[in-house]
Amino acid sequence: MRLFGRNFDLPQNRWLRISIGTLLVIGGLFGFLPVLGIWMVPLGLIVLSIDLPVVRRLRRRSDVWATRRYREWKTKRAQERQTRA
């Protein structure tokens, strides 16, 4: 799995990947505890998206949404800079 420019090795066993992803999501729900955090939920969903088509579609939609929002924000910022100059 490649994430933020780094490679992470995941187990070849499908059920082990699903278990790891599920545990990450569940652990993220207990984000108020030390060590566990909300960061575990997106990571678990990314791991689950490898094997589960429903989660894969959700991840792709969120990627498209985030990319559009980022581009709109970037364009708006560039326009604001031009009007200031």
N, C-alpha and C. Protein backbone atom coordinates (compact mmCIF):
# COMPACT_ATOMS: atom_id res chain seq x y z
N MET A 1 0.86 -1.16 0.00
CA MET A 1 0.00 0.00 0.00
C MET A 1 0.91 1.23 0.00
N ARG A 2 0.58 2.20 -0.82
CA ARG A 2 1.35 3.44 -0.90
C ARG A 2 0.48 4.56 -0.32
N LEU A 3 1.03 5.26 0.68
CA LEU A 3 0.29 6.31 1.36
C LEU A 3 1.23 7.45 1.68
N PHE A 4 0.90 8.65 1.21
CA PHE A 4 1.71 9.84 1.45
C PHE A 4 3.16 9.65 0.99
N GLY A 5 3.33 8.96 -0.13
CA GLY A 5 4.65 8.79 -0.70
C GLY A 5 5.49 7.71 -0.04
N ARG A 6 4.91 6.97 0.87
CA ARG A 6 5.64 5.89 1.54
C ARG A 6 4.95 4.57 1.26
N ASN A 7 5.75 3.51 1.19
CA ASN A 7 5.21 2.17 0.96
C ASN A 7 5.06 1.43 2.29
N PHE A 8 3.92 0.78 2.45
CA PHE A 8 3.64 -0.02 3.63
C PHE A 8 3.26 -1.41 3.16
N ASP A 9 3.89 -2.40 3.75
CA ASP A 9 3.57 -3.78 3.39
C ASP A 9 2.38 -4.26 4.21
N LEU A 10 1.41 -4.84 3.52
CA LEU A 10 0.25 -5.44 4.17
C LEU A 10 0.30 -6.94 3.97
N PRO A 11 -0.33 -7.68 4.85
CA PRO A 11 -0.34 -9.14 4.69
C PRO A 11 -1.02 -9.56 3.39
N GLN A 12 -0.60 -10.68 2.84
CA GLN A 12 -1.20 -11.21 1.62
C GLN A 12 -2.58 -11.82 1.89
N ASN A 13 -2.81 -12.25 3.11
CA ASN A 13 -4.07 -12.89 3.47
C ASN A 13 -5.19 -11.85 3.53
N ARG A 14 -6.23 -12.07 2.74
CA ARG A 14 -7.34 -11.12 2.64
C ARG A 14 -8.04 -10.93 3.98
N TRP A 15 -8.28 -12.01 4.69
CA TRP A 15 -9.01 -11.93 5.96
C TRP A 15 -8.19 -11.22 7.03
N LEU A 16 -6.91 -11.35 6.98
CA LEU A 16 -6.05 -10.64 7.92
C LEU A 16 -6.09 -9.13 7.64
N ARG A 17 -6.08 -8.75 6.36
CA ARG A 17 -6.20 -7.32 6.00
C ARG A 17 -7.54 -6.76 6.46
N ILE A 18 -8.60 -7.53 6.25
CA ILE A 18 -9.93 -7.07 6.68
C ILE A 18 -9.97 -6.93 8.20
N SER A 19 -9.36 -7.86 8.91
CA SER A 19 -9.32 -7.79 10.38
C SER A 19 -8.54 -6.56 10.85
N ILE A 20 -7.40 -6.31 10.22
CA ILE A 20 -6.59 -5.14 10.60
C ILE A 20 -7.37 -3.85 10.34
N GLY A 21 -8.01 -3.75 9.18
CA GLY A 21 -8.80 -2.55 8.86
C GLY A 21 -9.95 -2.34 9.83
N THR A 22 -10.63 -3.43 10.17
CA THR A 22 -11.76 -3.34 11.10
C THR A 22 -11.28 -2.91 12.48
N LEU A 23 -10.18 -3.49 12.94
CA LEU A 23 -9.64 -3.11 14.25
C LEU A 23 -9.19 -1.66 14.28
N LEU A 24 -8.64 -1.17 13.18
CA LEU A 24 -8.26 0.24 13.12
C LEU A 24 -9.47 1.15 13.22
N VAL A 25 -10.53 0.81 12.52
CA VAL A 25 -11.76 1.63 12.57
C VAL A 25 -12.35 1.60 13.97
N ILE A 26 -12.43 0.43 14.56
CA ILE A 26 -12.99 0.31 15.91
C ILE A 26 -12.10 1.07 16.91
N GLY A 27 -10.79 0.93 16.78
CA GLY A 27 -9.88 1.66 17.66
C GLY A 27 -10.03 3.17 17.51
N GLY A 28 -10.31 3.62 16.31
CA GLY A 28 -10.51 5.04 16.08
C GLY A 28 -11.76 5.58 16.74
N LEU A 29 -12.73 4.73 16.95
CA LEU A 29 -13.95 5.15 17.63
C LEU A 29 -13.68 5.44 19.11
N PHE A 30 -12.59 4.89 19.63
CA PHE A 30 -12.18 5.16 21.00
C PHE A 30 -11.07 6.21 21.03
N GLY A 31 -11.20 7.20 20.20
CA GLY A 31 -10.18 8.22 20.04
C GLY A 31 -9.96 9.09 21.26
N PHE A 32 -10.86 9.04 22.21
CA PHE A 32 -10.70 9.83 23.42
C PHE A 32 -9.67 9.20 24.37
N LEU A 33 -9.30 7.96 24.13
CA LEU A 33 -8.29 7.29 24.96
C LEU A 33 -6.89 7.63 24.47
N PRO A 34 -5.90 7.60 25.37
CA PRO A 34 -4.52 7.84 24.93
C PRO A 34 -4.07 6.78 23.92
N VAL A 35 -3.20 7.12 23.05
CA VAL A 35 -2.61 6.28 21.99
C VAL A 35 -3.61 6.08 20.85
N LEU A 36 -4.83 5.72 21.15
CA LEU A 36 -5.83 5.56 20.09
C LEU A 36 -6.28 6.94 19.66
N GLY A 37 -6.63 7.07 18.41
CA GLY A 37 -7.05 8.38 17.95
C GLY A 37 -7.91 8.30 16.71
N ILE A 38 -8.48 9.43 16.36
CA ILE A 38 -9.37 9.50 15.20
C ILE A 38 -8.60 9.21 13.92
N TRP A 39 -7.27 9.34 13.92
CA TRP A 39 -6.46 9.04 12.76
C TRP A 39 -6.59 7.59 12.32
N MET A 40 -7.03 6.72 13.23
CA MET A 40 -7.14 5.30 12.92
C MET A 40 -8.31 4.99 11.99
N VAL A 41 -9.35 5.82 12.02
CA VAL A 41 -10.53 5.57 11.19
C VAL A 41 -10.20 5.68 9.70
N PRO A 42 -9.62 6.78 9.22
CA PRO A 42 -9.30 6.83 7.79
C PRO A 42 -8.29 5.78 7.36
N LEU A 43 -7.32 5.50 8.23
CA LEU A 43 -6.34 4.47 7.90
C LEU A 43 -7.00 3.10 7.78
N GLY A 44 -7.92 2.80 8.69
CA GLY A 44 -8.66 1.54 8.61
C GLY A 44 -9.51 1.45 7.36
N LEU A 45 -10.13 2.56 6.97
CA LEU A 45 -10.95 2.57 5.75
C LEU A 45 -10.09 2.38 4.51
N ILE A 46 -8.89 2.93 4.53
CA ILE A 46 -7.98 2.73 3.39
C ILE A 46 -7.60 1.26 3.28
N VAL A 47 -7.28 0.63 4.41
CA VAL A 47 -6.94 -0.79 4.40
C VAL A 47 -8.13 -1.63 3.94
N LEU A 48 -9.31 -1.29 4.44
CA LEU A 48 -10.51 -2.04 4.04
C LEU A 48 -10.85 -1.84 2.56
N SER A 49 -10.50 -0.68 2.01
CA SER A 49 -10.85 -0.41 0.61
C SER A 49 -10.09 -1.30 -0.36
N ILE A 50 -9.05 -1.95 0.10
CA ILE A 50 -8.32 -2.88 -0.76
C ILE A 50 -9.19 -4.08 -1.12
N ASP A 51 -9.99 -4.54 -0.16
CA ASP A 51 -10.75 -5.79 -0.34
C ASP A 51 -12.26 -5.61 -0.44
N LEU A 52 -12.80 -4.50 0.03
CA LEU A 52 -14.26 -4.34 0.05
C LEU A 52 -14.69 -3.27 -0.95
N PRO A 53 -15.44 -3.68 -1.98
CA PRO A 53 -15.85 -2.71 -3.02
C PRO A 53 -16.67 -1.54 -2.48
N VAL A 54 -17.50 -1.76 -1.47
CA VAL A 54 -18.32 -0.67 -0.93
C VAL A 54 -17.42 0.42 -0.34
N VAL A 55 -16.43 0.01 0.42
CA VAL A 55 -15.50 0.98 1.02
C VAL A 55 -14.63 1.62 -0.05
N ARG A 56 -14.27 0.86 -1.08
CA ARG A 56 -13.47 1.39 -2.18
C ARG A 56 -14.21 2.53 -2.88
N ARG A 57 -15.51 2.33 -3.13
CA ARG A 57 -16.30 3.39 -3.76
C ARG A 57 -16.38 4.62 -2.87
N LEU A 58 -16.56 4.42 -1.57
CA LEU A 58 -16.61 5.54 -0.62
C LEU A 58 -15.28 6.30 -0.62
N ARG A 59 -14.17 5.57 -0.64
CA ARG A 59 -12.85 6.21 -0.66
C ARG A 59 -12.64 7.00 -1.94
N ARG A 60 -13.05 6.43 -3.07
CA ARG A 60 -12.88 7.15 -4.35
C ARG A 60 -13.72 8.41 -4.39
N ARG A 61 -14.95 8.33 -3.90
CA ARG A 61 -15.80 9.52 -3.86
C ARG A 61 -15.20 10.59 -2.97
N SER A 62 -14.68 10.19 -1.82
CA SER A 62 -14.09 11.18 -0.92
C SER A 62 -12.81 11.76 -1.51
N ASP A 63 -12.04 10.96 -2.23
CA ASP A 63 -10.84 11.47 -2.90
C ASP A 63 -11.21 12.52 -3.95
N VAL A 64 -12.22 12.23 -4.75
CA VAL A 64 -12.67 13.17 -5.78
C VAL A 64 -13.18 14.45 -5.13
N TRP A 65 -13.98 14.32 -4.07
CA TRP A 65 -14.52 15.49 -3.38
C TRP A 65 -13.39 16.34 -2.82
N ALA A 66 -12.44 15.70 -2.14
CA ALA A 66 -11.33 16.45 -1.53
C ALA A 66 -10.47 17.12 -2.58
N THR A 67 -10.23 16.45 -3.69
CA THR A 67 -9.42 17.04 -4.76
C THR A 67 -10.12 18.25 -5.36
N ARG A 68 -11.42 18.15 -5.57
CA ARG A 68 -12.18 19.30 -6.11
C ARG A 68 -12.13 20.47 -5.14
N ARG A 69 -12.36 20.19 -3.86
CA ARG A 69 -12.33 21.27 -2.86
C ARG A 69 -10.96 21.93 -2.81
N TYR A 70 -9.91 21.14 -2.87
CA TYR A 70 -8.55 21.67 -2.84
C TYR A 70 -8.29 22.56 -4.05
N ARG A 71 -8.70 22.11 -5.23
CA ARG A 71 -8.49 22.91 -6.44
C ARG A 71 -9.28 24.21 -6.39
N GLU A 72 -10.52 24.14 -5.89
CA GLU A 72 -11.32 25.36 -5.77
C GLU A 72 -10.67 26.33 -4.79
N TRP A 73 -10.19 25.82 -3.68
CA TRP A 73 -9.53 26.65 -2.68
C TRP A 73 -8.26 27.28 -3.24
N LYS A 74 -7.51 26.49 -3.98
CA LYS A 74 -6.26 26.97 -4.56
C LYS A 74 -6.54 28.07 -5.59
N THR A 75 -7.55 27.86 -6.43
CA THR A 75 -7.93 28.85 -7.43
C THR A 75 -8.42 30.13 -6.77
N LYS A 76 -9.24 29.99 -5.74
CA LYS A 76 -9.77 31.15 -5.04
C LYS A 76 -8.64 31.95 -4.39
N ARG A 77 -7.69 31.26 -3.81
CA ARG A 77 -6.54 31.92 -3.19
C ARG A 77 -5.70 32.67 -4.22
N ALA A 78 -5.52 32.06 -5.38
CA ALA A 78 -4.74 32.72 -6.44
C ALA A 78 -5.47 33.98 -6.93
N GLN A 79 -6.79 33.90 -7.06
CA GLN A 79 -7.56 35.06 -7.49
C GLN A 79 -7.49 36.18 -6.44
N GLU A 80 -7.53 35.82 -5.17
CA GLU A 80 -7.45 36.82 -4.12
C GLU A 80 -6.08 37.51 -4.14
N ARG A 81 -5.04 36.78 -4.39
CA ARG A 81 -3.71 37.35 -4.47
C ARG A 81 -3.59 38.32 -5.64
N GLN A 82 -4.24 37.97 -6.79
CA GLN A 82 -4.18 38.85 -7.96
C GLN A 82 -4.93 40.14 -7.70
N THR A 83 -6.05 40.07 -6.99
CA THR A 83 -6.82 41.30 -6.74
C THR A 83 -6.10 42.21 -5.75
N ARG A 84 -5.30 41.64 -4.85
CA ARG A 84 -4.52 42.44 -3.90
C ARG A 84 -3.37 43.17 -4.57
N ALA A 85 -2.80 42.54 -5.58
CA ALA A 85 -1.62 43.14 -6.23
C ALA A 85 -1.97 44.24 -7.20
